[in-house]
Protein backbone atom coordinates (compact mmCIF):
# COMPACT_ATOMS: atom_id res chain seq x y z
CA MET A 1 72.86 75.68 76.13
CA ASN A 2 73.37 79.46 76.05
CA LYS A 3 74.11 81.07 79.40
CA THR A 4 72.12 84.12 80.42
CA VAL A 5 73.44 87.30 82.03
CA THR A 6 71.68 89.58 84.48
CA CYS A 7 73.19 93.02 84.96
CA ILE A 8 72.59 94.64 88.36
CA VAL A 9 73.19 98.38 88.67
CA PRO A 10 72.97 99.64 92.27
CA PHE A 11 72.68 103.40 92.62
CA LEU A 12 72.20 106.15 95.16
CA ASN A 13 71.68 109.77 94.12
CA GLU A 14 73.15 109.19 90.66
CA LYS A 15 70.44 110.76 88.51
CA GLU A 16 72.99 112.92 86.68
CA ARG A 17 75.20 109.98 85.74
CA ILE A 18 73.22 106.74 85.57
CA GLY A 19 71.62 107.57 82.22
CA GLY A 20 74.93 107.43 80.39
CA VAL A 21 75.76 104.04 81.90
CA LEU A 22 72.37 102.47 81.14
CA THR A 23 72.41 103.79 77.57
CA GLN A 24 75.65 101.88 76.96
CA LEU A 25 74.61 98.71 78.81
CA LEU A 26 71.43 98.45 76.74
CA GLN A 27 73.65 98.09 73.67
CA VAL A 28 75.30 94.91 75.04
CA PRO A 29 73.66 91.89 73.34
CA SER A 30 74.63 89.33 75.99
CA ILE A 31 72.78 91.13 78.79
CA THR A 32 69.44 89.36 79.01
CA GLN A 33 68.11 91.16 82.10
CA LEU A 34 68.92 94.64 83.40
CA ILE A 35 68.01 95.43 87.01
CA CYS A 36 68.47 98.87 88.57
CA VAL A 37 68.30 99.03 92.36
CA ASP A 38 67.81 102.42 93.97
CA GLY A 39 69.15 102.53 97.52
CA ALA A 40 66.71 105.28 98.59
CA SER A 41 67.88 108.16 96.41
CA LYS A 42 66.68 111.67 97.15
CA ASP A 43 67.41 113.18 93.74
CA GLY A 44 64.56 111.58 91.77
CA GLY A 45 66.76 108.84 90.38
CA SER A 46 64.07 106.17 90.44
CA GLU A 47 61.58 108.34 88.60
CA TYR A 48 64.20 109.18 85.99
CA VAL A 49 65.13 105.54 85.37
CA LYS A 50 61.49 104.43 85.23
CA LYS A 51 60.58 107.10 82.68
CA THR A 52 63.73 107.05 80.53
CA PHE A 53 64.59 103.34 80.57
CA PRO A 54 61.29 101.41 80.69
CA THR A 55 62.93 98.12 79.66
CA ALA A 56 65.04 98.09 82.81
CA GLU A 57 63.57 96.44 85.88
CA LEU A 58 63.54 98.94 88.74
CA ILE A 59 63.68 98.17 92.44
CA THR A 60 63.32 101.11 94.84
CA LEU A 61 64.35 100.47 98.43
CA PRO A 62 62.64 102.39 101.26
CA GLN A 63 65.91 103.12 103.03
CA ASN A 64 69.64 103.10 102.41
CA ILE A 65 71.04 99.70 103.42
CA GLY A 66 74.43 100.04 101.77
CA LYS A 67 75.75 98.78 98.45
CA THR A 68 75.91 95.14 99.55
CA GLY A 69 72.28 95.12 100.65
CA THR A 70 71.26 96.88 97.45
CA VAL A 71 72.93 94.20 95.34
CA LYS A 72 71.32 91.47 97.44
CA ALA A 73 67.92 93.02 96.67
CA GLY A 74 68.72 92.84 92.97
CA LEU A 75 69.80 89.22 93.27
CA GLU A 76 66.35 88.26 94.52
CA LYS A 77 64.95 89.22 91.10
CA ALA A 78 67.89 88.05 88.98
CA THR A 79 67.27 85.17 86.58
CA GLY A 80 70.66 85.00 84.83
CA ASP A 81 73.24 82.24 85.16
CA TYR A 82 75.85 84.99 85.44
CA ILE A 83 75.64 88.32 87.23
CA LEU A 84 77.29 91.44 85.87
CA LEU A 85 77.67 94.11 88.54
CA PHE A 86 78.05 97.63 87.21
CA ASP A 87 78.32 100.95 89.04
CA ALA A 88 76.18 103.92 88.03
CA ASP A 89 78.76 106.71 88.24
CA LEU A 90 80.94 105.73 85.28
CA SER A 91 81.98 107.53 82.14
CA SER A 92 83.43 106.23 78.85
CA VAL A 93 81.72 102.84 79.08
CA LYS A 94 82.21 100.90 75.85
CA PRO A 95 79.55 98.28 75.00
CA ASN A 96 81.97 96.27 72.82
CA GLU A 97 84.32 95.78 75.79
CA VAL A 98 81.50 94.61 78.04
CA GLU A 99 80.20 92.26 75.35
CA ALA A 100 83.64 90.79 74.73
CA VAL A 101 84.09 89.92 78.40
CA LEU A 102 80.58 88.48 78.76
CA HIS A 103 81.06 86.32 75.68
CA GLU A 104 84.36 85.00 76.99
CA ILE A 105 83.12 84.03 80.45
CA THR A 106 79.85 82.48 79.28
CA ILE A 107 81.53 80.14 76.79
CA ASN A 108 84.36 79.17 79.12
CA PRO A 109 83.12 77.56 82.37
CA SER A 110 86.66 77.42 83.75
CA ILE A 111 86.57 81.22 84.21
CA ASP A 112 84.89 82.04 87.52
CA MET A 113 85.10 85.83 87.53
CA VAL A 114 86.33 88.71 85.38
CA ILE A 115 86.95 92.15 86.88
CA PHE A 116 86.92 95.28 84.75
CA ASN A 117 90.09 97.15 85.70
CA ARG A 118 89.09 100.81 85.57
CA THR A 119 91.06 103.58 83.93
CA THR A 120 92.14 106.09 86.57
CA PRO A 121 94.54 109.05 86.59
CA ARG A 122 95.11 108.73 90.36
CA ILE A 123 98.63 107.37 90.93
CA ILE A 124 98.00 106.21 94.50
CA THR A 125 95.02 104.20 93.28
CA LYS A 126 97.20 102.43 90.73
CA LEU A 127 99.99 101.72 93.22
CA ASN A 128 97.73 100.03 95.77
CA ARG A 129 95.64 98.37 93.02
CA PHE A 130 92.39 99.83 94.39
CA ASP A 131 91.15 100.37 90.82
CA LEU A 132 91.12 96.58 90.45
CA ILE A 133 90.48 95.28 93.96
CA TYR A 134 87.52 97.59 94.55
CA SER A 135 86.20 97.73 91.02
CA GLY A 136 82.41 97.61 91.09
CA GLU A 137 82.33 96.20 87.56
CA ARG A 138 82.72 92.44 87.52
CA VAL A 139 80.93 89.37 86.19
CA MET A 140 80.68 85.98 87.88
CA LYS A 141 78.46 82.96 88.29
CA LYS A 142 75.30 83.70 90.25
CA THR A 143 75.82 80.64 92.44
CA ASP A 144 79.19 81.97 93.60
CA LEU A 145 77.93 85.51 94.13
CA VAL A 146 75.07 84.46 96.41
CA VAL A 147 77.40 82.50 98.68
CA ALA A 148 80.25 85.03 98.59
CA ILE A 149 78.27 88.00 99.92
CA HIS A 150 76.06 86.17 102.40
CA HIS A 151 77.85 87.60 105.46
CA ALA A 152 78.93 90.92 103.92
CA THR A 153 77.35 94.26 104.81
CA GLN A 154 77.47 97.92 103.76
CA PHE A 155 80.68 98.62 101.79
CA GLN A 156 82.07 95.08 102.07
CA LEU A 157 80.77 93.83 98.71
CA GLU A 158 83.99 93.78 96.68
CA ILE A 159 86.28 92.66 99.51
CA ALA A 160 83.88 89.80 100.30
CA LEU A 161 83.88 88.65 96.68
CA ASN A 162 87.66 88.81 96.47
CA THR A 163 88.10 86.91 99.75
CA TYR A 164 85.71 84.16 98.67
CA MET A 165 87.43 83.76 95.33
CA MET A 166 90.90 83.54 96.86
CA ARG A 167 89.92 81.09 99.59
CA ASN A 168 88.18 78.80 97.12
CA LYS A 169 91.01 79.02 94.56
CA LYS A 170 88.72 80.30 91.81
CA ASN A 171 89.99 81.30 88.38
CA ILE A 172 89.91 85.09 88.24
CA TYR A 173 90.95 87.38 85.39
CA TYR A 174 91.00 91.10 84.83
CA PHE A 175 90.24 93.14 81.75
CA ASP A 176 91.66 96.61 81.18
CA ALA A 177 88.54 98.66 80.50
CA SER A 178 88.19 102.19 79.12
CA HIS A 179 85.68 103.45 81.66
CA THR A 180 86.46 105.43 84.78
CA ASN A 181 84.48 106.30 87.90
CA LEU A 182 83.94 109.58 89.70
CA ALA A 183 85.79 110.06 92.98
CA LYS A 184 83.60 110.57 96.06
CA SER A 185 85.21 113.95 96.67
CA LYS A 186 83.95 115.08 93.27
CA LYS A 187 80.39 114.00 94.03
CA LEU A 188 80.09 114.85 97.71
CA GLY A 189 82.66 117.57 98.23
CA PHE A 190 86.14 117.13 99.67
CA LEU A 191 85.33 116.68 103.36
CA ASP A 192 82.27 114.48 102.91
CA GLY A 193 84.15 112.46 100.31
CA VAL A 194 87.03 111.85 102.73
CA LYS A 195 84.59 110.82 105.46
CA GLU A 196 82.94 108.28 103.14
CA ASP A 197 86.32 106.90 102.05
CA ILE A 198 87.42 106.44 105.68
CA LYS A 199 84.12 104.77 106.53
CA MET A 200 84.50 102.40 103.58
CA PHE A 201 88.13 101.64 104.42
CA TRP A 202 87.23 100.75 108.01
CA GLN A 203 84.44 98.40 106.97
CA VAL A 204 86.60 96.77 104.32
CA CYS A 205 89.45 96.12 106.76
CA SER A 206 87.11 94.75 109.41
CA PHE A 207 85.76 92.06 107.07
CA ASP A 208 89.08 90.18 106.97
CA PRO A 209 92.14 92.31 107.89
CA TRP A 210 94.81 89.85 106.76
CA ASN A 211 93.14 88.99 103.49
CA TYR A 212 92.71 92.69 102.72
CA PHE A 213 96.47 93.18 102.62
CA ALA A 214 97.06 89.86 100.86
CA GLN A 215 94.80 91.01 98.04
CA THR A 216 97.01 94.02 97.36
CA LEU A 217 99.90 91.68 96.60
CA PHE A 218 98.39 88.51 95.21
CA PHE A 219 94.80 88.99 94.05
CA CYS A 220 93.84 88.66 90.38
CA ARG A 221 97.12 88.68 88.47
CA ASN A 222 95.85 87.02 85.28
CA LYS A 223 94.80 89.20 82.38
CA LEU A 224 92.33 88.26 79.68
CA PRO A 225 93.97 88.52 76.22
CA THR A 226 92.38 91.75 74.94
CA SER A 227 93.71 91.38 71.41
CA ARG A 228 91.78 88.14 70.97
CA LEU A 229 88.67 89.42 72.71
CA LEU A 230 88.34 92.58 70.66
CA ALA A 231 89.64 91.30 67.33
């Protein structure tokens, strides 16, 4: 029986960038349902998505409840066996890379999650593995996702998923992707970007302080064989 994939794209004030991401995702054959969840944008993002991408299911929240709550709202409408989470502020997304990863995980039930390791020029991000640990692009079984984020809030989405996977000894792999995200300082300005980063860091650490540091050293060390995937 073929497994289905729902892609959930949470966004907040990403009207200028989300179009490029959705255009690429709509070219991925394995995505059977595309859900965009607007966390109360003020830039007309919902109207833009509704008009430009009518095949995408759109959920517009009345207020900003954080990324975790936004994803939970999308999960309520998701019908796929697997959930692909994808951020809206990316550039250089390649549909063939996304398709290769989705194909691999849906035919191999022993794989529990694959994380798209972003391309980033920031050295500090590479050294502390934030490009992998906090990557918003990952695919996993819906049953695991629902349980993993039950107690998470605000910015704790990725750390909650990682913690659940480690504690339950799940099989996790990473895939070196071509896409990159836009730093908060580039979107919000330097000071506001720093404030948001500090806020996120505090919430992440508070979820499980010990596991946060353990993830830097031990989390997700297995790589999917890209040569076979993209042959």
